Amino acid sequence: MSTSIAEGLPVRAETTNEEALERIRRVIAGGGSSNMRNLGVPRPLVVAGARGCTITDIEGRELIDLNMGYGPMLFGYGDQDVLSAIAAQMRRAHMTGLPSDVDARAAELIQILVPSMEQVRFANSGTEAIASALRLARATTGRNLVVTFEGHYHGWSETILRKTTPSLGSSEVRSGALGMIPEALRHTVQVAWNDIDGLQQILEHVGHSVAAVILEPVLANDGVCGPAPGFLQHVRELTTRYGSLLIFDEVITGFRVAAGGAQARYAVRPDLTIVSKVMGGGFPVAAFGGSREIMAPLARNEALHAGVYAGNHLAMVAVTACLEKILANPSTYEYLEHIGQHVEQRLREGVAHCSAQVSIDRVGSVLAFGLIDGDGRSSGVIRRRPRYSMDAHRELQMRCQDRGVYFQPNPREPWFLSTAHTRPILDRAINVILESLGERATSA
């Protein structure tokens, strides 16, 4: 055993990333407990530890991380405010399945930061919370149909995971994974992102059957694409007119693009909101909530949401610690905007001097960077899927990983910045990326 000099993390120097991953794959199908995450390691990378904005692999190498656990780490890895609170709770009780004095504080902090969430229910993941929110919407409205938008990801539950396909005028419904029951998606319909005319057309045809319109207020699971000016306001008007609930999936944007999430950034109040990621600081927790009226069926046991581990004491303490830190540090988002602008500007200036075709998009501290094929950039207001060059992007990612910078090899997965990222660290990372881009162009 040895230790990483910078972080004091234990490292098994006699084991390589390849050897360690092969051992893992012998007992864990695919090497990890998520198909999506397994696709993130075209070159083996096994983590020994993480601090700030760096990860240390099992060989003792440190890498600047632009993935940050897929988004939860707003304050960086190993944040002592969160870890100290968790350690203290561990000495009291970490799981009893009964109400605790920490429950109310966690929910009160969500309500302070996101006023539309007057009451909440806690869950263990975004997928869980979204499935429950959709069930509640159907119970509340007495309707079954749900409208979604192309490219938006709302978890992998049976009734919402679908492949992109035209909605109106097409009877084809394609499940998002093998083994899913196609009939489970018969009560969903899809429209292009930022296509307000398309949404209005759907509601004019079947609005009386639509229980909810669900969306990521900032598309961040298929690259990054913010709402067109006025789009969210128009969606709010249409859902109100047709008596459908408006659901914001803020699993990614909640507490990240603003203290109050995207609904605060764009000044639109949804009926139901799902939050996760940032609020747990790396602990598995999510919540969904809305007005007391909408949440009332749950209080009366007329709608179902359950889970033994939902709202466990450690999760509630993690939420409390993270959200109290956000409340106590209002300049957090100014800093994240500052470094986000810096990264975007440096990347745009750098790629302007190379032959690679690159798509760069950003909202706050969420940034998409991906190699594309020729004219693959989106154009116009309505969002079309960028034609990413997957193989070229993965090749670039592996070059950067070899040089101490990690980001997800799938260009549809965004980068996440944290308060642990400093300009000097980010400049080092950008230099590696631009140098690798230049070398790739030379060798092509």
Protein backbone atom coordinates (compact mmCIF):
# COMPACT_ATOMS: atom_id res chain seq x y z
CA MET A 1 0.00 0.00 0.00
CA SER A 2 1.13 3.58 -0.68
CA THR A 3 -0.50 7.00 -0.46
CA SER A 4 -1.24 9.84 -2.83
CA ILE A 5 1.05 12.74 -1.86
CA ALA A 6 -1.54 15.47 -2.48
CA GLU A 7 -4.47 13.82 -0.76
CA GLY A 8 -3.08 11.17 1.58
CA LEU A 9 -5.35 8.55 -0.02
CA PRO A 10 -4.48 4.84 0.22
CA VAL A 11 -3.44 3.37 -3.13
CA ARG A 12 -2.60 -0.22 -4.10
CA ALA A 13 0.39 0.55 -6.31
CA GLU A 14 0.78 -3.11 -7.32
CA THR A 15 -2.65 -3.08 -9.00
CA THR A 16 -3.34 -1.44 -12.36
CA ASN A 17 -6.65 0.05 -13.44
CA GLU A 18 -7.03 -2.76 -15.98
CA GLU A 19 -6.43 -5.48 -13.36
CA ALA A 20 -8.75 -3.88 -10.83
CA LEU A 21 -11.57 -3.42 -13.37
CA GLU A 22 -11.23 -7.01 -14.54
CA ARG A 23 -11.62 -8.20 -10.95
CA ILE A 24 -14.73 -6.02 -10.56
CA ARG A 25 -16.23 -7.33 -13.80
CA ARG A 26 -15.90 -10.93 -12.59
CA VAL A 27 -18.50 -10.25 -9.89
CA ILE A 28 -20.41 -7.16 -11.11
CA ALA A 29 -22.13 -7.42 -14.49
CA GLY A 30 -20.43 -4.97 -16.83
CA GLY A 31 -18.17 -3.62 -14.08
CA GLY A 32 -20.65 -1.23 -12.51
CA SER A 33 -24.25 -0.97 -11.33
CA SER A 34 -25.41 1.34 -14.14
CA ASN A 35 -25.32 0.66 -17.88
CA MET A 36 -24.85 4.36 -18.54
CA ARG A 37 -21.92 4.66 -16.14
CA ASN A 38 -20.28 1.54 -17.56
CA LEU A 39 -20.14 3.28 -20.93
CA GLY A 40 -18.05 5.99 -19.23
CA VAL A 41 -14.90 3.90 -19.01
CA PRO A 42 -13.60 3.07 -22.52
CA ARG A 43 -10.18 3.22 -20.88
CA PRO A 44 -10.20 1.53 -17.45
CA LEU A 45 -10.33 3.93 -14.52
CA VAL A 46 -10.83 2.64 -10.98
CA VAL A 47 -11.08 5.24 -8.24
CA ALA A 48 -9.17 4.98 -4.96
CA GLY A 49 -10.35 8.32 -3.59
CA ALA A 50 -11.51 11.85 -4.38
CA ARG A 51 -11.01 15.28 -2.84
CA GLY A 52 -11.96 18.74 -4.06
CA CYS A 53 -12.17 18.53 -7.85
CA THR A 54 -9.71 15.65 -8.32
CA ILE A 55 -9.97 11.90 -8.29
CA THR A 56 -7.09 9.54 -7.54
CA ASP A 57 -7.03 6.24 -9.39
CA ILE A 58 -5.88 2.95 -8.00
CA GLU A 59 -2.42 3.48 -9.53
CA GLY A 60 -1.96 6.72 -7.60
CA ARG A 61 -2.51 9.10 -10.52
CA GLU A 62 -4.53 12.26 -9.90
CA LEU A 63 -6.97 13.52 -12.48
CA ILE A 64 -8.88 16.80 -12.67
CA ASP A 65 -12.53 15.76 -12.75
CA LEU A 66 -15.07 17.62 -14.88
CA ASN A 67 -17.76 14.99 -14.25
CA MET A 68 -18.06 15.42 -10.46
CA GLY A 69 -20.15 12.33 -9.79
CA TYR A 70 -22.55 13.26 -12.62
CA GLY A 71 -23.45 16.53 -10.94
CA PRO A 72 -24.06 16.26 -7.18
CA MET A 73 -20.74 17.72 -6.02
CA LEU A 74 -21.47 21.45 -6.03
CA PHE A 75 -18.90 22.01 -3.25
CA GLY A 76 -16.45 19.35 -4.40
CA TYR A 77 -15.59 15.90 -3.13
CA GLY A 78 -15.09 15.36 0.59
CA ASP A 79 -16.85 18.53 1.70
CA GLN A 80 -16.28 18.66 5.44
CA ASP A 81 -19.53 20.45 6.26
CA VAL A 82 -21.50 17.54 4.83
CA LEU A 83 -19.21 14.77 6.08
CA SER A 84 -19.09 16.15 9.63
CA ALA A 85 -22.88 16.29 9.79
CA ILE A 86 -23.13 12.73 8.48
CA ALA A 87 -20.55 11.48 11.00
CA ALA A 88 -22.47 13.09 13.87
CA GLN A 89 -25.75 11.52 12.71
CA MET A 90 -24.10 8.10 12.39
CA ARG A 91 -23.41 8.23 16.11
CA ARG A 92 -27.11 8.90 16.79
CA ALA A 93 -29.07 6.75 14.31
CA HIS A 94 -28.72 6.32 10.59
CA MET A 95 -31.85 4.32 9.75
CA THR A 96 -34.92 3.49 11.84
CA GLY A 97 -37.82 3.91 9.42
CA LEU A 98 -39.46 6.34 11.84
CA PRO A 99 -39.85 10.14 11.82
CA SER A 100 -36.81 12.03 13.06
CA ASP A 101 -36.20 15.57 14.22
CA VAL A 102 -34.05 16.15 11.13
CA ASP A 103 -36.90 15.51 8.66
CA ALA A 104 -38.67 18.84 9.04
CA ARG A 105 -35.49 20.91 8.71
CA ALA A 106 -34.52 19.22 5.44
CA ALA A 107 -37.98 19.82 3.96
CA GLU A 108 -38.16 23.38 5.29
CA LEU A 109 -34.89 24.25 3.55
CA ILE A 110 -36.23 22.94 0.24
CA GLN A 111 -39.37 25.04 0.70
CA ILE A 112 -37.31 28.16 1.51
CA LEU A 113 -35.19 27.78 -1.62
CA VAL A 114 -37.94 26.44 -3.91
CA PRO A 115 -41.22 28.06 -2.76
CA SER A 116 -43.34 26.08 -5.24
CA MET A 117 -42.53 22.96 -3.18
CA GLU A 118 -44.82 23.72 -0.23
CA GLN A 119 -44.83 20.05 0.76
CA VAL A 120 -42.47 17.28 -0.31
CA ARG A 121 -41.94 13.55 -0.21
CA PHE A 122 -38.41 12.12 -0.14
CA ALA A 123 -37.18 9.25 -2.29
CA ASN A 124 -33.87 7.51 -2.94
CA SER A 125 -33.30 8.50 -6.58
CA GLY A 126 -34.54 10.80 -9.30
CA THR A 127 -36.11 7.87 -11.16
CA GLU A 128 -38.11 6.94 -8.04
CA ALA A 129 -39.27 10.49 -7.37
CA ILE A 130 -40.29 11.07 -10.99
CA ALA A 131 -42.31 7.83 -11.14
CA SER A 132 -44.14 8.90 -7.97
CA ALA A 133 -44.74 12.44 -9.25
CA LEU A 134 -46.26 11.10 -12.49
CA ARG A 135 -48.49 8.74 -10.53
CA LEU A 136 -49.59 11.64 -8.35
CA ALA A 137 -50.33 13.78 -11.42
CA ARG A 138 -52.55 11.05 -12.82
CA ALA A 139 -54.30 10.59 -9.48
CA THR A 140 -54.83 14.35 -9.11
CA THR A 141 -56.19 15.01 -12.60
CA GLY A 142 -57.95 11.70 -13.30
CA ARG A 143 -56.15 11.64 -16.67
CA ASN A 144 -53.51 9.28 -18.06
CA LEU A 145 -51.58 10.95 -20.90
CA VAL A 146 -48.15 12.52 -20.24
CA VAL A 147 -46.35 14.82 -22.68
CA THR A 148 -42.54 14.68 -22.81
CA PHE A 149 -39.87 16.36 -24.94
CA GLU A 150 -37.29 14.80 -27.23
CA GLY A 151 -33.91 14.25 -25.62
CA HIS A 152 -35.18 14.74 -22.07
CA TYR A 153 -34.41 11.96 -19.61
CA HIS A 154 -36.76 11.31 -16.71
CA GLY A 155 -35.29 8.13 -15.30
CA TRP A 156 -35.51 4.56 -16.42
CA SER A 157 -38.95 3.52 -15.12
CA GLU A 158 -41.26 1.55 -17.37
CA THR A 159 -43.78 4.31 -18.11
CA ILE A 160 -41.43 7.13 -19.16
CA LEU A 161 -38.21 5.79 -20.76
CA ARG A 162 -38.65 5.99 -24.51
CA LYS A 163 -36.48 6.54 -27.55
CA THR A 164 -36.80 9.74 -29.50
CA THR A 165 -39.58 9.47 -32.05
CA PRO A 166 -42.02 11.92 -33.67
CA SER A 167 -45.24 12.07 -31.70
CA LEU A 168 -48.07 13.68 -33.59
CA GLY A 169 -49.09 11.74 -36.67
CA SER A 170 -47.01 8.70 -35.69
CA SER A 171 -48.33 5.62 -33.93
CA GLU A 172 -44.85 4.25 -33.30
CA VAL A 173 -43.77 4.08 -29.66
CA ARG A 174 -40.29 2.75 -29.01
CA SER A 175 -39.21 1.64 -25.56
CA GLY A 176 -35.92 2.98 -24.30
CA ALA A 177 -34.48 -0.41 -23.31
CA LEU A 178 -34.78 -4.09 -24.13
CA GLY A 179 -37.15 -5.93 -21.83
CA MET A 180 -39.51 -3.00 -21.36
CA ILE A 181 -43.21 -3.51 -22.00
CA PRO A 182 -44.11 -1.34 -25.03
CA GLU A 183 -47.69 -0.94 -23.83
CA ALA A 184 -46.39 0.90 -20.76
CA LEU A 185 -45.56 3.87 -23.00
CA ARG A 186 -48.93 4.07 -24.73
CA HIS A 187 -49.91 6.92 -22.43
CA THR A 188 -46.99 9.16 -23.39
CA VAL A 189 -46.54 11.49 -26.36
CA GLN A 190 -43.46 13.46 -27.35
CA VAL A 191 -42.68 16.83 -28.92
CA ALA A 192 -39.46 18.58 -29.97
CA TRP A 193 -37.72 20.72 -27.35
CA ASN A 194 -38.59 24.42 -27.59
CA ASP A 195 -41.39 23.66 -30.07
CA ILE A 196 -44.25 25.59 -28.50
CA ASP A 197 -46.40 25.24 -31.63
CA GLY A 198 -45.98 21.47 -31.51
CA LEU A 199 -47.01 21.38 -27.86
CA GLN A 200 -50.03 23.57 -28.55
CA GLN A 201 -51.05 21.29 -31.42
CA ILE A 202 -50.89 18.23 -29.15
CA LEU A 203 -52.92 19.92 -26.43
CA GLU A 204 -55.51 21.08 -28.94
CA HIS A 205 -55.93 17.47 -30.08
CA VAL A 206 -55.75 15.57 -26.77
CA GLY A 207 -55.49 18.20 -24.01
CA HIS A 208 -58.53 16.80 -22.20
CA SER A 209 -56.53 13.58 -21.63
CA VAL A 210 -53.20 15.10 -20.59
CA ALA A 211 -52.39 14.67 -16.92
CA ALA A 212 -49.03 16.38 -17.08
CA VAL A 213 -46.36 17.96 -19.23
CA ILE A 214 -42.93 17.01 -17.86
CA LEU A 215 -39.63 18.57 -18.91
CA GLU A 216 -36.11 19.43 -17.87
CA PRO A 217 -36.28 23.24 -17.76
CA VAL A 218 -32.73 23.10 -19.08
CA LEU A 219 -32.16 20.11 -21.33
CA ALA A 220 -29.01 18.57 -19.81
CA ASN A 221 -29.12 14.88 -20.68
CA ASP A 222 -28.54 15.23 -24.41
CA GLY A 223 -25.94 17.93 -24.48
CA VAL A 224 -27.04 21.20 -22.90
CA CYS A 225 -29.79 23.39 -24.30
CA GLY A 226 -31.65 26.06 -22.38
CA PRO A 227 -35.24 27.05 -23.03
CA ALA A 228 -35.88 29.50 -25.84
CA PRO A 229 -36.89 32.99 -24.62
CA GLY A 230 -40.45 32.82 -23.34
CA PHE A 231 -40.79 29.08 -23.95
CA LEU A 232 -41.28 28.02 -20.33
CA GLN A 233 -43.76 30.86 -19.78
CA HIS A 234 -45.76 29.66 -22.81
CA VAL A 235 -45.73 26.08 -21.54
CA ARG A 236 -47.01 27.34 -18.19
CA GLU A 237 -49.84 29.19 -19.92
CA LEU A 238 -50.83 26.20 -22.05
CA THR A 239 -50.84 23.68 -19.19
CA THR A 240 -52.97 26.02 -17.10
CA ARG A 241 -55.39 26.52 -19.98
CA TYR A 242 -55.86 22.78 -20.55
CA GLY A 243 -55.90 21.78 -16.88
CA SER A 244 -52.69 19.74 -17.05
CA LEU A 245 -49.98 19.77 -14.38
CA LEU A 246 -46.61 21.24 -15.28
CA ILE A 247 -43.76 19.14 -13.88
CA PHE A 248 -40.18 20.40 -13.76
CA ASP A 249 -37.59 17.64 -13.60
CA GLU A 250 -34.86 19.54 -11.75
CA VAL A 251 -32.80 16.49 -10.83
CA ILE A 252 -29.85 18.20 -12.52
CA THR A 253 -30.75 21.90 -12.41
CA GLY A 254 -32.11 22.00 -8.87
CA PHE A 255 -29.79 24.04 -6.62
CA ARG A 256 -27.22 24.08 -9.44
CA VAL A 257 -28.14 26.72 -12.02
CA ALA A 258 -29.44 28.94 -9.19
CA ALA A 259 -30.15 28.55 -5.49
CA GLY A 260 -33.82 28.04 -6.39
CA GLY A 261 -33.07 25.97 -9.49
CA ALA A 262 -34.13 26.67 -13.06
CA GLN A 263 -37.59 27.81 -11.97
CA ALA A 264 -35.94 30.67 -10.09
CA ARG A 265 -33.53 31.40 -12.94
CA TYR A 266 -36.37 31.65 -15.47
CA ALA A 267 -39.13 32.86 -13.11
CA VAL A 268 -41.66 30.11 -13.89
CA ARG A 269 -43.56 28.24 -11.16
CA PRO A 270 -44.42 24.61 -11.96
CA ASP A 271 -47.06 22.50 -10.23
CA LEU A 272 -44.68 19.71 -9.26
CA THR A 273 -40.89 19.67 -9.01
CA ILE A 274 -38.37 16.86 -8.69
CA VAL A 275 -34.97 17.63 -7.13
CA SER A 276 -31.98 15.40 -6.39
CA LYS A 277 -28.21 15.40 -7.02
CA VAL A 278 -26.87 18.67 -5.55
CA MET A 279 -29.12 18.65 -2.50
CA GLY A 280 -27.60 15.38 -1.25
CA GLY A 281 -23.96 16.22 -1.85
CA GLY A 282 -23.32 12.71 -3.14
CA PHE A 283 -25.74 10.82 -0.89
CA PRO A 284 -28.63 8.98 -2.60
CA VAL A 285 -31.66 11.18 -2.08
CA ALA A 286 -34.36 12.88 -4.12
CA ALA A 287 -37.60 14.71 -3.44
CA PHE A 288 -40.76 15.66 -5.29
CA GLY A 289 -43.22 18.28 -4.18
CA GLY A 290 -45.75 20.95 -4.95
CA SER A 291 -48.62 22.81 -3.35
CA ARG A 292 -50.43 21.41 -0.33
CA GLU A 293 -53.48 20.87 -2.53
CA ILE A 294 -51.60 18.76 -5.08
CA MET A 295 -49.77 16.78 -2.38
CA ALA A 296 -53.00 16.20 -0.39
CA PRO A 297 -53.81 12.77 -1.94
CA LEU A 298 -50.53 11.47 -0.51
CA ALA A 299 -51.37 12.86 2.93
CA ARG A 300 -54.78 11.16 2.75
CA ASN A 301 -53.27 7.88 1.49
CA GLU A 302 -55.27 8.20 -1.73
CA ALA A 303 -52.11 8.13 -3.85
CA LEU A 304 -49.17 5.80 -3.33
CA HIS A 305 -45.53 6.58 -2.64
CA ALA A 306 -43.41 4.23 -0.52
CA GLY A 307 -39.88 3.07 0.24
CA VAL A 308 -38.22 1.78 3.39
CA TYR A 309 -35.12 3.91 2.86
CA ALA A 310 -36.95 7.00 1.61
CA GLY A 311 -36.15 9.91 3.93
CA ASN A 312 -33.63 7.94 5.98
CA HIS A 313 -31.80 9.93 8.64
CA LEU A 314 -28.44 10.14 6.84
CA ALA A 315 -30.07 11.44 3.67
CA MET A 316 -31.98 14.08 5.62
CA VAL A 317 -28.80 15.25 7.34
CA ALA A 318 -26.98 15.41 4.00
CA VAL A 319 -29.80 17.52 2.52
CA THR A 320 -29.79 19.82 5.54
CA ALA A 321 -26.02 20.30 5.44
CA CYS A 322 -25.91 21.02 1.70
CA LEU A 323 -28.87 23.40 1.63
CA GLU A 324 -27.78 25.26 4.76
CA LYS A 325 -24.41 25.79 3.08
CA ILE A 326 -26.15 27.16 -0.02
CA LEU A 327 -28.22 29.55 2.10
CA ALA A 328 -25.14 30.71 3.99
CA ASN A 329 -23.11 31.31 0.82
CA PRO A 330 -25.20 33.33 -1.66
CA SER A 331 -22.08 34.20 -3.70
CA THR A 332 -21.70 30.53 -4.68
CA TYR A 333 -23.62 31.00 -7.91
CA GLU A 334 -21.76 34.16 -8.87
CA TYR A 335 -18.53 32.19 -8.60
CA LEU A 336 -19.89 29.24 -10.58
CA GLU A 337 -21.14 31.61 -13.30
CA HIS A 338 -17.72 33.28 -13.36
CA ILE A 339 -15.74 30.07 -13.84
CA GLY A 340 -18.37 28.76 -16.26
CA GLN A 341 -17.95 31.83 -18.45
CA HIS A 342 -14.18 31.48 -18.23
CA VAL A 343 -14.22 27.84 -19.33
CA GLU A 344 -16.65 28.53 -22.17
CA GLN A 345 -14.67 31.50 -23.44
CA ARG A 346 -11.34 29.69 -23.36
CA LEU A 347 -12.77 26.67 -25.15
CA ARG A 348 -14.42 28.79 -27.85
CA GLU A 349 -11.21 30.73 -28.42
CA GLY A 350 -9.19 27.53 -28.52
CA VAL A 351 -11.35 25.54 -30.92
CA ALA A 352 -11.54 28.52 -33.26
CA HIS A 353 -7.89 27.87 -34.08
CA CYS A 354 -8.19 24.16 -34.80
CA SER A 355 -9.88 22.19 -37.55
CA ALA A 356 -12.13 20.16 -35.25
CA GLN A 357 -15.87 20.76 -35.34
CA VAL A 358 -16.99 21.23 -31.74
CA SER A 359 -20.34 22.02 -30.11
CA ILE A 360 -20.15 24.09 -26.90
CA ASP A 361 -23.22 25.02 -24.84
CA ARG A 362 -23.57 26.17 -21.23
CA VAL A 363 -26.14 27.19 -18.63
CA GLY A 364 -24.50 28.24 -15.37
CA SER A 365 -22.11 25.55 -14.17
CA VAL A 366 -23.46 22.89 -16.57
CA LEU A 367 -21.51 22.74 -19.81
CA ALA A 368 -21.64 20.53 -22.90
CA PHE A 369 -18.53 20.02 -25.01
CA GLY A 370 -18.56 17.52 -27.86
CA LEU A 371 -17.01 16.79 -31.23
CA ILE A 372 -19.56 16.80 -34.03
CA ASP A 373 -19.69 15.70 -37.65
CA GLY A 374 -19.47 18.55 -40.15
CA ASP A 375 -22.69 20.55 -40.06
CA GLY A 376 -23.96 18.79 -36.95
CA ARG A 377 -24.61 21.98 -34.99
CA SER A 378 -28.20 22.76 -34.09
CA SER A 379 -29.84 25.68 -35.85
CA GLY A 380 -32.97 27.68 -35.21
CA VAL A 381 -35.04 27.86 -32.05
CA ILE A 382 -36.32 24.27 -32.04
CA ARG A 383 -33.68 21.96 -30.60
CA ARG A 384 -32.48 19.15 -32.87
CA ARG A 385 -30.13 16.47 -31.58
CA PRO A 386 -26.50 17.39 -32.32
CA ARG A 387 -24.82 14.90 -34.62
CA TYR A 388 -21.99 14.05 -32.28
CA SER A 389 -18.95 12.18 -33.56
CA MET A 390 -18.98 9.53 -30.85
CA ASP A 391 -15.79 7.72 -31.86
CA ALA A 392 -13.78 10.91 -32.29
CA HIS A 393 -15.01 12.27 -28.96
CA ARG A 394 -14.12 9.05 -27.13
CA GLU A 395 -10.66 9.13 -28.68
CA LEU A 396 -10.21 12.71 -27.44
CA GLN A 397 -11.46 11.75 -23.99
CA MET A 398 -8.95 8.92 -23.71
CA ARG A 399 -6.09 11.22 -24.71
CA CYS A 400 -7.15 13.66 -22.00
CA GLN A 401 -7.59 10.91 -19.41
CA ASP A 402 -4.05 9.73 -20.08
CA ARG A 403 -2.90 13.29 -19.33
CA GLY A 404 -4.79 13.74 -16.09
CA VAL A 405 -8.18 15.18 -17.10
CA TYR A 406 -11.41 13.20 -16.87
CA PHE A 407 -14.76 13.94 -18.46
CA GLN A 408 -17.50 11.56 -19.58
CA PRO A 409 -16.63 9.89 -22.93
CA ASN A 410 -20.24 10.30 -24.08
CA PRO A 411 -20.53 13.90 -25.40
CA ARG A 412 -24.23 13.93 -24.52
CA GLU A 413 -23.25 13.86 -20.83
CA PRO A 414 -22.44 17.39 -19.59
CA TRP A 415 -19.56 18.69 -17.51
CA PHE A 416 -20.30 19.95 -14.00
CA LEU A 417 -18.23 22.65 -12.33
CA SER A 418 -17.92 23.07 -8.57
CA THR A 419 -16.65 25.62 -6.09
CA ALA A 420 -13.57 23.39 -5.74
CA HIS A 421 -12.60 24.19 -9.33
CA THR A 422 -10.27 27.19 -9.45
CA ARG A 423 -9.27 29.10 -12.56
CA PRO A 424 -5.68 27.76 -12.48
CA ILE A 425 -6.95 24.17 -12.22
CA LEU A 426 -9.46 24.74 -15.01
CA ASP A 427 -6.81 26.37 -17.18
CA ARG A 428 -4.64 23.26 -16.77
CA ALA A 429 -7.56 21.10 -17.84
CA ILE A 430 -8.41 23.27 -20.82
CA ASN A 431 -4.77 23.31 -21.94
CA VAL A 432 -4.77 19.50 -21.94
CA ILE A 433 -8.01 19.39 -23.92
CA LEU A 434 -6.88 21.90 -26.53
CA GLU A 435 -3.46 20.26 -26.89
CA SER A 436 -5.14 16.87 -27.33
CA LEU A 437 -7.48 18.36 -29.92
CA GLY A 438 -4.51 19.76 -31.82
CA GLU A 439 -2.65 16.46 -31.75
CA ARG A 440 -5.71 14.62 -32.92
CA ALA A 441 -6.03 16.95 -35.89
CA THR A 442 -2.33 16.48 -36.75
CA SER A 443 -2.57 12.70 -36.64
CA ALA A 444 -5.83 12.53 -38.57
